[in-house]
Amino acid sequence: MDTNRWPEALTKFGIEDPLEPAKAAPRMRKSLRQAAPFLDAAAPPLQSVENFVIAGPDRDIPARLYIPQGSQAPAPICLFTHGGGYVIGDLDTHDRLCARMAAKSGVRVLAIDYRLAPEHIFPAGVEDALAAFDWLVSTEGLERTGADADRVAVAGDSAGGGLAAMLGQQRRDQIRFQLLIYPLMQLIERRKPKLKALEGHILSVYTLEQIVRAYLPDEKAAQDVRVSPLLENDLAGLPPTFIAAAELDPLYDEGTAYRDRLAAAGIPVEYALGKAMPHGYFNMTAVLPGAKDIVNRVSAALGDGLRE
């Protein structure tokens, strides 16, 4: 894997200046947004893609609804929260991934653009995710999206996977299925020795430190289960779960730990490992052979999880 030829955005995925996250974050967001179309292969055609806003706790939350071919209301739906360390990422950086998931699963996907740090520290992103979910399952949200209230899932990658896990815990009675893609499950333990292979261009222990600096000015907040859902003791009643992991990923251990805890609690859980894959590979189907196959497999599992 020749990472020297990757776009500049991938070599600067983290906040590079620990003293100036407010200056670095906008530059990182722009770089990733520009690189996204070159990293992710075009998705299959959809019935429609619609942009609108959802009323949030502090501002309107931009949202994008992906409707697969042949979908008829009331239809299964998945709320998707994007990754990016709570600092970067938006609807456009994950547009092709969401479109592919919708097309391959037959499930409507509602992606949201929650507030990001350092402009909006914890719990802003959590509040937006909860507000968007509560709107989705309300009468207004179900009518606007054409969703079936009995077939609602949550999904997300990386930090968005952590938000999806948080939603699974906080709204467990209303969720049929959860899809966690190399989820960021805790921000307490970040300093243990890692294999050098895990210290890649996309996510490193250094990057995790900068995420905390930007997102959690008070490090004690990392003990909150909304930041670190791996710490949640009560796993009873959580929805069936699919966890997709990356082998070359600092988050590999915590995703595996959550898988094992769910299984021990009697929660049905499936697991897929991207062998020799780095963190972020779901968004790199154009440059990493094999990534598309795993995305398609996981998307099919999402569809299966929401069947009538």
C-alpha atoms as a PDB file:
ATOM      1  CA  MET A   1       0.000   0.000   0.000  1.00  0.00           C
ATOM      2  CA  ASP A   2       1.820   3.124  -1.193  1.00  0.00           C
ATOM      3  CA  THR A   3       0.504   5.785   1.191  1.00  0.00           C
ATOM      4  CA  ASN A   4       2.892   8.365  -0.236  1.00  0.00           C
ATOM      5  CA  ARG A   5       0.563   8.680  -3.235  1.00  0.00           C
ATOM      6  CA  TRP A   6      -2.571   9.255  -1.185  1.00  0.00           C
ATOM      7  CA  PRO A   7      -4.213  12.694  -1.321  1.00  0.00           C
ATOM      8  CA  GLU A   8      -2.902  15.254   1.122  1.00  0.00           C
ATOM      9  CA  ALA A   9      -6.133  15.075   3.132  1.00  0.00           C
ATOM     10  CA  LEU A  10      -5.321  11.546   4.274  1.00  0.00           C
ATOM     11  CA  THR A  11      -1.890  12.466   5.566  1.00  0.00           C
ATOM     12  CA  LYS A  12      -3.435  15.299   7.580  1.00  0.00           C
ATOM     13  CA  PHE A  13      -6.569  13.653   8.901  1.00  0.00           C
ATOM     14  CA  GLY A  14      -5.904  14.741  12.473  1.00  0.00           C
ATOM     15  CA  ILE A  15      -5.527  18.201  13.965  1.00  0.00           C
ATOM     16  CA  GLU A  16      -1.878  18.801  13.184  1.00  0.00           C
ATOM     17  CA  ASP A  17      -1.297  21.796  15.472  1.00  0.00           C
ATOM     18  CA  PRO A  18      -2.141  20.939  19.103  1.00  0.00           C
ATOM     19  CA  LEU A  19      -2.133  24.599  20.053  1.00  0.00           C
ATOM     20  CA  GLU A  20      -4.479  25.870  17.355  1.00  0.00           C
ATOM     21  CA  PRO A  21      -7.333  23.437  16.678  1.00  0.00           C
ATOM     22  CA  ALA A  22      -9.616  26.330  15.735  1.00  0.00           C
ATOM     23  CA  LYS A  23      -7.233  27.239  12.898  1.00  0.00           C
ATOM     24  CA  ALA A  24      -6.454  23.679  11.798  1.00  0.00           C
ATOM     25  CA  ALA A  25      -9.996  22.259  11.793  1.00  0.00           C
ATOM     26  CA  PRO A  26     -11.432  24.311   8.890  1.00  0.00           C
ATOM     27  CA  ARG A  27      -8.398  23.428   6.748  1.00  0.00           C
ATOM     28  CA  MET A  28      -8.786  19.725   7.533  1.00  0.00           C
ATOM     29  CA  ARG A  29     -12.491  19.811   6.699  1.00  0.00           C
ATOM     30  CA  LYS A  30     -11.866  21.427   3.334  1.00  0.00           C
ATOM     31  CA  SER A  31      -9.091  18.972   2.427  1.00  0.00           C
ATOM     32  CA  LEU A  32     -11.193  15.925   3.241  1.00  0.00           C
ATOM     33  CA  ARG A  33     -14.218  17.282   1.400  1.00  0.00           C
ATOM     34  CA  GLN A  34     -12.135  17.856  -1.723  1.00  0.00           C
ATOM     35  CA  ALA A  35     -10.489  14.430  -1.516  1.00  0.00           C
ATOM     36  CA  ALA A  36     -13.681  12.440  -0.911  1.00  0.00           C
ATOM     37  CA  PRO A  37     -14.726  11.978  -4.585  1.00  0.00           C
ATOM     38  CA  PHE A  38     -11.270  10.601  -5.452  1.00  0.00           C
ATOM     39  CA  LEU A  39     -11.251   8.109  -2.578  1.00  0.00           C
ATOM     40  CA  ASP A  40     -14.733   6.624  -2.788  1.00  0.00           C
ATOM     41  CA  ALA A  41     -16.124   4.936  -5.891  1.00  0.00           C
ATOM     42  CA  ALA A  42     -19.413   6.187  -7.304  1.00  0.00           C
ATOM     43  CA  ALA A  43     -22.440   4.525  -5.759  1.00  0.00           C
ATOM     44  CA  PRO A  44     -25.244   2.731  -7.636  1.00  0.00           C
ATOM     45  CA  PRO A  45     -28.199   4.911  -8.682  1.00  0.00           C
ATOM     46  CA  LEU A  46     -30.890   5.816  -6.174  1.00  0.00           C
ATOM     47  CA  GLN A  47     -34.538   6.735  -6.442  1.00  0.00           C
ATOM     48  CA  SER A  48     -33.867  10.160  -4.938  1.00  0.00           C
ATOM     49  CA  VAL A  49     -31.631  12.207  -2.666  1.00  0.00           C
ATOM     50  CA  GLU A  50     -33.186  15.047  -0.682  1.00  0.00           C
ATOM     51  CA  ASN A  51     -31.651  17.787   1.449  1.00  0.00           C
ATOM     52  CA  PHE A  52     -33.518  19.497   4.289  1.00  0.00           C
ATOM     53  CA  VAL A  53     -32.991  20.616   7.878  1.00  0.00           C
ATOM     54  CA  ILE A  54     -34.127  19.284  11.226  1.00  0.00           C
ATOM     55  CA  ALA A  55     -34.782  21.589  14.164  1.00  0.00           C
ATOM     56  CA  GLY A  56     -31.963  21.108  16.659  1.00  0.00           C
ATOM     57  CA  PRO A  57     -31.267  22.254  20.217  1.00  0.00           C
ATOM     58  CA  ASP A  58     -29.081  25.183  19.132  1.00  0.00           C
ATOM     59  CA  ARG A  59     -29.474  25.449  15.332  1.00  0.00           C
ATOM     60  CA  ASP A  60     -31.043  23.648  12.412  1.00  0.00           C
ATOM     61  CA  ILE A  61     -29.318  20.329  11.673  1.00  0.00           C
ATOM     62  CA  PRO A  62     -28.590  19.788   7.950  1.00  0.00           C
ATOM     63  CA  ALA A  63     -29.801  16.368   6.811  1.00  0.00           C
ATOM     64  CA  ARG A  64     -29.720  14.320   3.623  1.00  0.00           C
ATOM     65  CA  LEU A  65     -32.187  11.518   2.858  1.00  0.00           C
ATOM     66  CA  TYR A  66     -31.146   8.716   0.492  1.00  0.00           C
ATOM     67  CA  ILE A  67     -34.043   6.701  -0.945  1.00  0.00           C
ATOM     68  CA  PRO A  68     -33.122   3.461  -2.774  1.00  0.00           C
ATOM     69  CA  GLN A  69     -34.740   2.290  -5.971  1.00  0.00           C
ATOM     70  CA  GLY A  70     -38.200   0.805  -5.467  1.00  0.00           C
ATOM     71  CA  SER A  71     -38.532   2.007  -1.875  1.00  0.00           C
ATOM     72  CA  GLN A  72     -42.127   2.612  -0.824  1.00  0.00           C
ATOM     73  CA  ALA A  73     -43.328   4.172   2.425  1.00  0.00           C
ATOM     74  CA  PRO A  74     -43.505   3.148   5.163  1.00  0.00           C
ATOM     75  CA  ALA A  75     -39.954   1.937   4.659  1.00  0.00           C
ATOM     76  CA  PRO A  76     -37.037   0.875   6.875  1.00  0.00           C
ATOM     77  CA  ILE A  77     -34.661   3.709   7.663  1.00  0.00           C
ATOM     78  CA  CYS A  78     -31.209   4.181   9.172  1.00  0.00           C
ATOM     79  CA  LEU A  79     -29.955   7.349  10.881  1.00  0.00           C
ATOM     80  CA  PHE A  80     -26.286   7.786   9.945  1.00  0.00           C
ATOM     81  CA  THR A  81     -23.743   9.854  11.919  1.00  0.00           C
ATOM     82  CA  HIS A  82     -20.459  10.484  10.086  1.00  0.00           C
ATOM     83  CA  GLY A  83     -16.952  10.050  11.419  1.00  0.00           C
ATOM     84  CA  GLY A  84     -14.103  12.527  11.657  1.00  0.00           C
ATOM     85  CA  GLY A  85     -13.099  12.647  15.299  1.00  0.00           C
ATOM     86  CA  TYR A  86     -15.947  15.030  16.203  1.00  0.00           C
ATOM     87  CA  VAL A  87     -13.918  17.695  14.375  1.00  0.00           C
ATOM     88  CA  ILE A  88     -14.126  17.069  10.608  1.00  0.00           C
ATOM     89  CA  GLY A  89     -16.506  15.359   8.200  1.00  0.00           C
ATOM     90  CA  ASP A  90     -19.913  16.369   6.881  1.00  0.00           C
ATOM     91  CA  LEU A  91     -22.683  15.281   4.536  1.00  0.00           C
ATOM     92  CA  ASP A  92     -20.441  15.574   1.486  1.00  0.00           C
ATOM     93  CA  THR A  93     -17.454  13.620   2.839  1.00  0.00           C
ATOM     94  CA  HIS A  94     -19.735  10.628   3.468  1.00  0.00           C
ATOM     95  CA  ASP A  95     -22.138  11.142   0.572  1.00  0.00           C
ATOM     96  CA  ARG A  96     -20.978   8.197  -1.540  1.00  0.00           C
ATOM     97  CA  LEU A  97     -20.809   5.863   1.445  1.00  0.00           C
ATOM     98  CA  CYS A  98     -24.381   6.708   2.477  1.00  0.00           C
ATOM     99  CA  ALA A  99     -25.601   6.344  -1.112  1.00  0.00           C
ATOM    100  CA  ARG A 100     -23.916   2.943  -1.455  1.00  0.00           C
ATOM    101  CA  MET A 101     -25.356   1.748   1.842  1.00  0.00           C
ATOM    102  CA  ALA A 102     -28.855   2.807   0.814  1.00  0.00           C
ATOM    103  CA  ALA A 103     -28.590   1.221  -2.635  1.00  0.00           C
ATOM    104  CA  LYS A 104     -27.140  -2.069  -1.402  1.00  0.00           C
ATOM    105  CA  SER A 105     -29.345  -2.432   1.673  1.00  0.00           C
ATOM    106  CA  GLY A 106     -32.675  -1.250   0.268  1.00  0.00           C
ATOM    107  CA  VAL A 107     -32.939   0.892   3.404  1.00  0.00           C
ATOM    108  CA  ARG A 108     -33.515   4.643   3.444  1.00  0.00           C
ATOM    109  CA  VAL A 109     -30.540   6.429   4.976  1.00  0.00           C
ATOM    110  CA  LEU A 110     -30.872   9.740   6.802  1.00  0.00           C
ATOM    111  CA  ALA A 111     -27.446  11.361   7.273  1.00  0.00           C
ATOM    112  CA  ILE A 112     -27.055  14.327   9.596  1.00  0.00           C
ATOM    113  CA  ASP A 113     -24.454  17.075   9.883  1.00  0.00           C
ATOM    114  CA  TYR A 114     -24.099  17.465  13.648  1.00  0.00           C
ATOM    115  CA  ARG A 115     -22.143  20.292  15.266  1.00  0.00           C
ATOM    116  CA  LEU A 116     -18.364  19.847  15.379  1.00  0.00           C
ATOM    117  CA  ALA A 117     -15.550  20.791  17.743  1.00  0.00           C
ATOM    118  CA  PRO A 118     -13.675  22.924  18.521  1.00  0.00           C
ATOM    119  CA  GLU A 119     -16.426  25.447  17.754  1.00  0.00           C
ATOM    120  CA  HIS A 120     -18.973  23.225  19.519  1.00  0.00           C
ATOM    121  CA  ILE A 121     -17.556  21.069  22.294  1.00  0.00           C
ATOM    122  CA  PHE A 122     -19.205  18.114  24.012  1.00  0.00           C
ATOM    123  CA  PRO A 123     -22.134  17.595  24.401  1.00  0.00           C
ATOM    124  CA  ALA A 124     -23.181  19.552  21.263  1.00  0.00           C
ATOM    125  CA  GLY A 125     -22.748  16.647  18.821  1.00  0.00           C
ATOM    126  CA  VAL A 126     -24.485  14.252  21.187  1.00  0.00           C
ATOM    127  CA  GLU A 127     -27.407  16.649  21.614  1.00  0.00           C
ATOM    128  CA  ASP A 128     -27.753  16.996  17.821  1.00  0.00           C
ATOM    129  CA  ALA A 129     -27.702  13.217  17.311  1.00  0.00           C
ATOM    130  CA  LEU A 130     -30.364  12.699  19.971  1.00  0.00           C
ATOM    131  CA  ALA A 131     -32.493  15.541  18.591  1.00  0.00           C
ATOM    132  CA  ALA A 132     -32.278  14.163  15.060  1.00  0.00           C
ATOM    133  CA  PHE A 133     -33.227  10.672  16.219  1.00  0.00           C
ATOM    134  CA  ASP A 134     -36.145  11.950  18.293  1.00  0.00           C
ATOM    135  CA  TRP A 135     -37.364  13.953  15.307  1.00  0.00           C
ATOM    136  CA  LEU A 136     -37.035  10.940  13.021  1.00  0.00           C
ATOM    137  CA  VAL A 137     -39.294   8.766  15.183  1.00  0.00           C
ATOM    138  CA  SER A 138     -41.813  11.559  15.748  1.00  0.00           C
ATOM    139  CA  THR A 139     -44.969  11.802  13.662  1.00  0.00           C
ATOM    140  CA  GLU A 140     -43.441  14.685  11.684  1.00  0.00           C
ATOM    141  CA  GLY A 141     -40.192  12.812  11.035  1.00  0.00           C
ATOM    142  CA  LEU A 142     -41.876   9.578  10.014  1.00  0.00           C
ATOM    143  CA  GLU A 143     -44.120  11.412   7.558  1.00  0.00           C
ATOM    144  CA  ARG A 144     -41.274  13.515   6.122  1.00  0.00           C
ATOM    145  CA  THR A 145     -38.946  10.567   5.573  1.00  0.00           C
ATOM    146  CA  GLY A 146     -41.556   7.907   4.798  1.00  0.00           C
ATOM    147  CA  ALA A 147     -40.097   5.739   7.560  1.00  0.00           C
ATOM    148  CA  ASP A 148     -41.565   2.772   9.373  1.00  0.00           C
ATOM    149  CA  ALA A 149     -41.354   3.415  13.128  1.00  0.00           C
ATOM    150  CA  ASP A 150     -40.860  -0.300  13.769  1.00  0.00           C
ATOM    151  CA  ARG A 151     -37.862  -0.574  11.434  1.00  0.00           C
ATOM    152  CA  VAL A 152     -35.384   2.100  12.531  1.00  0.00           C
ATOM    153  CA  ALA A 153     -31.622   1.561  12.696  1.00  0.00           C
ATOM    154  CA  VAL A 154     -28.634   3.686  13.635  1.00  0.00           C
ATOM    155  CA  ALA A 155     -25.209   3.560  12.021  1.00  0.00           C
ATOM    156  CA  GLY A 156     -21.984   5.502  11.952  1.00  0.00           C
ATOM    157  CA  ASP A 157     -18.251   5.244  11.371  1.00  0.00           C
ATOM    158  CA  SER A 158     -15.434   6.097  13.787  1.00  0.00           C
ATOM    159  CA  ALA A 159     -16.631   8.980  15.999  1.00  0.00           C
ATOM    160  CA  GLY A 160     -19.991   8.602  14.276  1.00  0.00           C
ATOM    161  CA  GLY A 161     -19.909   4.943  15.290  1.00  0.00           C
ATOM    162  CA  GLY A 162     -19.510   6.094  18.867  1.00  0.00           C
ATOM    163  CA  LEU A 163     -22.520   8.361  18.444  1.00  0.00           C
ATOM    164  CA  ALA A 164     -24.500   5.480  16.937  1.00  0.00           C
ATOM    165  CA  ALA A 165     -23.567   3.278  19.911  1.00  0.00           C
ATOM    166  CA  MET A 166     -24.631   6.085  22.235  1.00  0.00           C
ATOM    167  CA  LEU A 167     -27.986   6.287  20.445  1.00  0.00           C
ATOM    168  CA  GLY A 168     -28.336   2.520  20.686  1.00  0.00           C
ATOM    169  CA  GLN A 169     -27.950   2.796  24.448  1.00  0.00           C
ATOM    170  CA  GLN A 170     -29.986   5.952  25.015  1.00  0.00           C
ATOM    171  CA  ARG A 171     -32.868   5.014  22.685  1.00  0.00           C
ATOM    172  CA  ARG A 172     -32.618   1.211  22.784  1.00  0.00           C
ATOM    173  CA  ASP A 173     -36.385   0.629  22.915  1.00  0.00           C
ATOM    174  CA  GLN A 174     -36.901   2.424  19.591  1.00  0.00           C
ATOM    175  CA  ILE A 175     -34.070   0.904  17.571  1.00  0.00           C
ATOM    176  CA  ARG A 176     -34.267  -2.385  15.681  1.00  0.00           C
ATOM    177  CA  PHE A 177     -30.618  -2.648  14.561  1.00  0.00           C
ATOM    178  CA  GLN A 178     -27.286  -0.864  14.948  1.00  0.00           C
ATOM    179  CA  LEU A 179     -24.296  -0.806  12.625  1.00  0.00           C
ATOM    180  CA  LEU A 180     -21.014   0.321  14.164  1.00  0.00           C
ATOM    181  CA  ILE A 181     -18.153   0.869  11.715  1.00  0.00           C
ATOM    182  CA  TYR A 182     -14.714   0.863  13.438  1.00  0.00           C
ATOM    183  CA  PRO A 183     -16.409   2.800  16.239  1.00  0.00           C
ATOM    184  CA  LEU A 184     -14.643   5.205  18.588  1.00  0.00           C
ATOM    185  CA  MET A 185     -15.993   3.713  21.812  1.00  0.00           C
ATOM    186  CA  GLN A 186     -13.985   5.528  24.486  1.00  0.00           C
ATOM    187  CA  LEU A 187     -11.646   8.486  24.977  1.00  0.00           C
ATOM    188  CA  ILE A 188     -10.169   7.629  28.361  1.00  0.00           C
ATOM    189  CA  GLU A 189      -7.349   5.231  27.529  1.00  0.00           C
ATOM    190  CA  ARG A 190      -5.316   6.610  24.634  1.00  0.00           C
ATOM    191  CA  ARG A 191      -1.659   6.141  25.597  1.00  0.00           C
ATOM    192  CA  LYS A 192      -1.006   2.398  25.768  1.00  0.00           C
ATOM    193  CA  PRO A 193       1.686   1.090  23.389  1.00  0.00           C
ATOM    194  CA  LYS A 194       0.442   0.326  19.889  1.00  0.00           C
ATOM    195  CA  LEU A 195       1.991  -1.634  17.063  1.00  0.00           C
ATOM    196  CA  LYS A 196       3.724   0.715  14.655  1.00  0.00           C
ATOM    197  CA  ALA A 197       1.442  -0.591  11.906  1.00  0.00           C
ATOM    198  CA  LEU A 198      -1.488   0.945  13.777  1.00  0.00           C
ATOM    199  CA  GLU A 199       0.046   4.401  13.754  1.00  0.00           C
ATOM    200  CA  GLY A 200      -1.052   5.177  10.211  1.00  0.00           C
ATOM    201  CA  HIS A 201      -1.776   8.317   8.265  1.00  0.00           C
ATOM    202  CA  ILE A 202      -5.497   8.199   8.999  1.00  0.00           C
ATOM    203  CA  LEU A 203      -5.743   7.689  12.745  1.00  0.00           C
ATOM    204  CA  SER A 204      -3.039   7.554  15.385  1.00  0.00           C
ATOM    205  CA  VAL A 205      -2.707   7.852  19.136  1.00  0.00           C
ATOM    206  CA  TYR A 206      -1.501  11.420  18.522  1.00  0.00           C
ATOM    207  CA  THR A 207      -4.712  12.151  16.628  1.00  0.00           C
ATOM    208  CA  LEU A 208      -6.791  10.756  19.485  1.00  0.00           C
ATOM    209  CA  GLU A 209      -5.019  13.147  21.850  1.00  0.00           C
ATOM    210  CA  GLN A 210      -5.919  16.060  19.604  1.00  0.00           C
ATOM    211  CA  ILE A 211      -9.533  14.909  19.384  1.00  0.00           C
ATOM    212  CA  VAL A 212      -9.730  15.116  23.160  1.00  0.00           C
ATOM    213  CA  ARG A 213      -8.063  18.531  23.135  1.00  0.00           C
ATOM    214  CA  ALA A 214     -10.658  19.873  20.686  1.00  0.00           C
ATOM    215  CA  TYR A 215     -13.782  18.004  21.807  1.00  0.00           C
ATOM    216  CA  LEU A 216     -13.273  17.629  25.571  1.00  0.00           C
ATOM    217  CA  PRO A 217     -11.614  20.668  27.169  1.00  0.00           C
ATOM    218  CA  ASP A 218     -12.493  18.946  30.459  1.00  0.00           C
ATOM    219  CA  GLU A 219     -10.900  15.493  30.147  1.00  0.00           C
ATOM    220  CA  LYS A 220     -13.109  14.181  32.960  1.00  0.00           C
ATOM    221  CA  ALA A 221     -15.981  14.274  30.452  1.00  0.00           C
ATOM    222  CA  ALA A 222     -14.396  11.225  28.785  1.00  0.00           C
ATOM    223  CA  GLN A 223     -15.908   9.182  31.624  1.00  0.00           C
ATOM    224  CA  ASP A 224     -19.418  10.085  30.463  1.00  0.00           C
ATOM    225  CA  VAL A 225     -20.989   7.088  28.680  1.00  0.00           C
ATOM    226  CA  ARG A 226     -22.192   9.450  25.946  1.00  0.00           C
ATOM    227  CA  VAL A 227     -18.508  10.004  25.090  1.00  0.00           C
ATOM    228  CA  SER A 228     -17.318   6.510  25.992  1.00  0.00           C
ATOM    229  CA  PRO A 229     -20.245   4.110  25.430  1.00  0.00           C
ATOM    230  CA  LEU A 230     -17.891   1.186  26.056  1.00  0.00           C
ATOM    231  CA  LEU A 231     -18.252   2.076  29.761  1.00  0.00           C
ATOM    232  CA  GLU A 232     -22.021   1.512  29.822  1.00  0.00           C
ATOM    233  CA  ASN A 233     -22.794  -1.251  32.329  1.00  0.00           C
ATOM    234  CA  ASP A 234     -26.397  -1.901  31.323  1.00  0.00           C
ATOM    235  CA  LEU A 235     -26.422  -3.580  27.920  1.00  0.00           C
ATOM    236  CA  ALA A 236     -29.748  -5.360  28.393  1.00  0.00           C
ATOM    237  CA  GLY A 237     -32.230  -4.735  25.606  1.00  0.00           C
ATOM    238  CA  LEU A 238     -29.742  -3.295  23.147  1.00  0.00           C
ATOM    239  CA  PRO A 239     -30.596  -3.961  19.489  1.00  0.00           C
ATOM    240  CA  PRO A 240     -28.907  -6.620  17.356  1.00  0.00           C
ATOM    241  CA  THR A 241     -25.556  -5.233  16.270  1.00  0.00           C
ATOM    242  CA  PHE A 242     -23.103  -5.491  13.402  1.00  0.00           C
ATOM    243  CA  ILE A 243     -19.567  -4.267  14.094  1.00  0.00           C
ATOM    244  CA  ALA A 244     -17.211  -3.722  11.161  1.00  0.00           C
ATOM    245  CA  ALA A 245     -13.555  -3.408  12.151  1.00  0.00           C
ATOM    246  CA  ALA A 246     -10.240  -2.498  10.554  1.00  0.00           C
ATOM    247  CA  GLU A 247      -7.196  -4.619  11.334  1.00  0.00           C
ATOM    248  CA  LEU A 248      -4.727  -1.706  11.121  1.00  0.00           C
ATOM    249  CA  ASP A 249      -6.568   0.580  13.491  1.00  0.00           C
ATOM    250  CA  PRO A 250      -5.900   1.975  16.979  1.00  0.00           C
ATOM    251  CA  LEU A 251      -9.625   1.412  17.656  1.00  0.00           C
ATOM    252  CA  TYR A 252      -9.492  -2.305  16.885  1.00  0.00           C
ATOM    253  CA  ASP A 253      -9.342  -3.395  20.542  1.00  0.00           C
ATOM    254  CA  GLU A 254     -12.298  -1.360  21.744  1.00  0.00           C
ATOM    255  CA  GLY A 255     -14.542  -2.487  18.904  1.00  0.00           C
ATOM    256  CA  THR A 256     -13.653  -6.085  19.703  1.00  0.00           C
ATOM    257  CA  ALA A 257     -14.257  -5.471  23.410  1.00  0.00           C
ATOM    258  CA  TYR A 258     -17.732  -4.094  22.741  1.00  0.00           C
ATOM    259  CA  ARG A 259     -18.499  -7.061  20.500  1.00  0.00           C
ATOM    260  CA  ASP A 260     -17.540  -9.439  23.305  1.00  0.00           C
ATOM    261  CA  ARG A 261     -19.517  -7.529  25.926  1.00  0.00           C
ATOM    262  CA  LEU A 262     -22.624  -7.505  23.740  1.00  0.00           C
ATOM    263  CA  ALA A 263     -22.334 -11.234  23.112  1.00  0.00           C
ATOM    264  CA  ALA A 264     -21.889 -11.898  26.841  1.00  0.00           C
ATOM    265  CA  ALA A 265     -25.063  -9.882  27.494  1.00  0.00           C
ATOM    266  CA  GLY A 266     -26.988 -12.046  25.046  1.00  0.00           C
ATOM    267  CA  ILE A 267     -27.233  -9.412  22.301  1.00  0.00           C
ATOM    268  CA  PRO A 268     -27.049 -10.863  18.772  1.00  0.00           C
ATOM    269  CA  VAL A 269     -23.852  -9.504  17.248  1.00  0.00           C
ATOM    270  CA  GLU A 270     -22.118  -9.992  13.908  1.00  0.00           C
ATOM    271  CA  TYR A 271     -18.576  -8.967  13.175  1.00  0.00           C
ATOM    272  CA  ALA A 272     -16.553  -8.303  10.032  1.00  0.00           C
ATOM    273  CA  LEU A 273     -12.827  -7.585   9.984  1.00  0.00           C
ATOM    274  CA  GLY A 274     -11.147  -5.721   7.152  1.00  0.00           C
ATOM    275  CA  LYS A 275      -7.869  -7.639   6.946  1.00  0.00           C
ATOM    276  CA  ALA A 276      -4.884  -5.336   6.381  1.00  0.00           C
ATOM    277  CA  MET A 277      -7.334  -2.429   6.159  1.00  0.00           C
ATOM    278  CA  PRO A 278      -6.709   0.956   7.810  1.00  0.00           C
ATOM    279  CA  HIS A 279      -9.170   3.022   9.762  1.00  0.00           C
ATOM    280  CA  GLY A 280     -11.475   4.820   7.326  1.00  0.00           C
ATOM    281  CA  TYR A 281     -11.522   2.193   4.582  1.00  0.00           C
ATOM    282  CA  PHE A 282     -15.302   2.376   4.105  1.00  0.00           C
ATOM    283  CA  ASN A 283     -14.649   5.760   2.491  1.00  0.00           C
ATOM    284  CA  MET A 284     -11.841   4.475   0.262  1.00  0.00           C
ATOM    285  CA  THR A 285     -13.539   2.031  -2.090  1.00  0.00           C
ATOM    286  CA  ALA A 286     -11.833   3.648  -5.095  1.00  0.00           C
ATOM    287  CA  VAL A 287      -8.301   3.123  -3.808  1.00  0.00           C
ATOM    288  CA  LEU A 288      -8.384   0.036  -1.569  1.00  0.00           C
ATOM    289  CA  PRO A 289      -9.166  -3.283  -3.278  1.00  0.00           C
ATOM    290  CA  GLY A 290     -11.666  -5.267  -1.273  1.00  0.00           C
ATOM    291  CA  ALA A 291     -13.144  -2.323   0.607  1.00  0.00           C
ATOM    292  CA  LYS A 292     -16.219  -2.184  -1.618  1.00  0.00           C
ATOM    293  CA  ASP A 293     -16.982  -5.856  -1.011  1.00  0.00           C
ATOM    294  CA  ILE A 294     -17.029  -5.353   2.755  1.00  0.00           C
ATOM    295  CA  VAL A 295     -19.204  -2.239   2.473  1.00  0.00           C
ATOM    296  CA  ASN A 296     -21.640  -4.198   0.299  1.00  0.00           C
ATOM    297  CA  ARG A 297     -21.675  -7.089   2.775  1.00  0.00           C
ATOM    298  CA  VAL A 298     -22.326  -4.804   5.730  1.00  0.00           C
ATOM    299  CA  SER A 299     -25.038  -2.950   3.801  1.00  0.00           C
ATOM    300  CA  ALA A 300     -26.778  -6.240   3.056  1.00  0.00           C
ATOM    301  CA  ALA A 301     -26.687  -7.041   6.773  1.00  0.00           C
ATOM    302  CA  LEU A 302     -28.355  -3.708   7.475  1.00  0.00           C
ATOM    303  CA  GLY A 303     -31.147  -4.604   5.072  1.00  0.00           C
ATOM    304  CA  ASP A 304     -31.527  -8.037   6.656  1.00  0.00           C
ATOM    305  CA  GLY A 305     -31.673  -6.485  10.117  1.00  0.00           C
ATOM    306  CA  LEU A 306     -34.672  -4.345   9.170  1.00  0.00           C
ATOM    307  CA  ARG A 307     -36.735  -6.864   7.231  1.00  0.00           C
ATOM    308  CA  GLU A 308     -40.424  -7.177   8.130  1.00  0.00           C
END
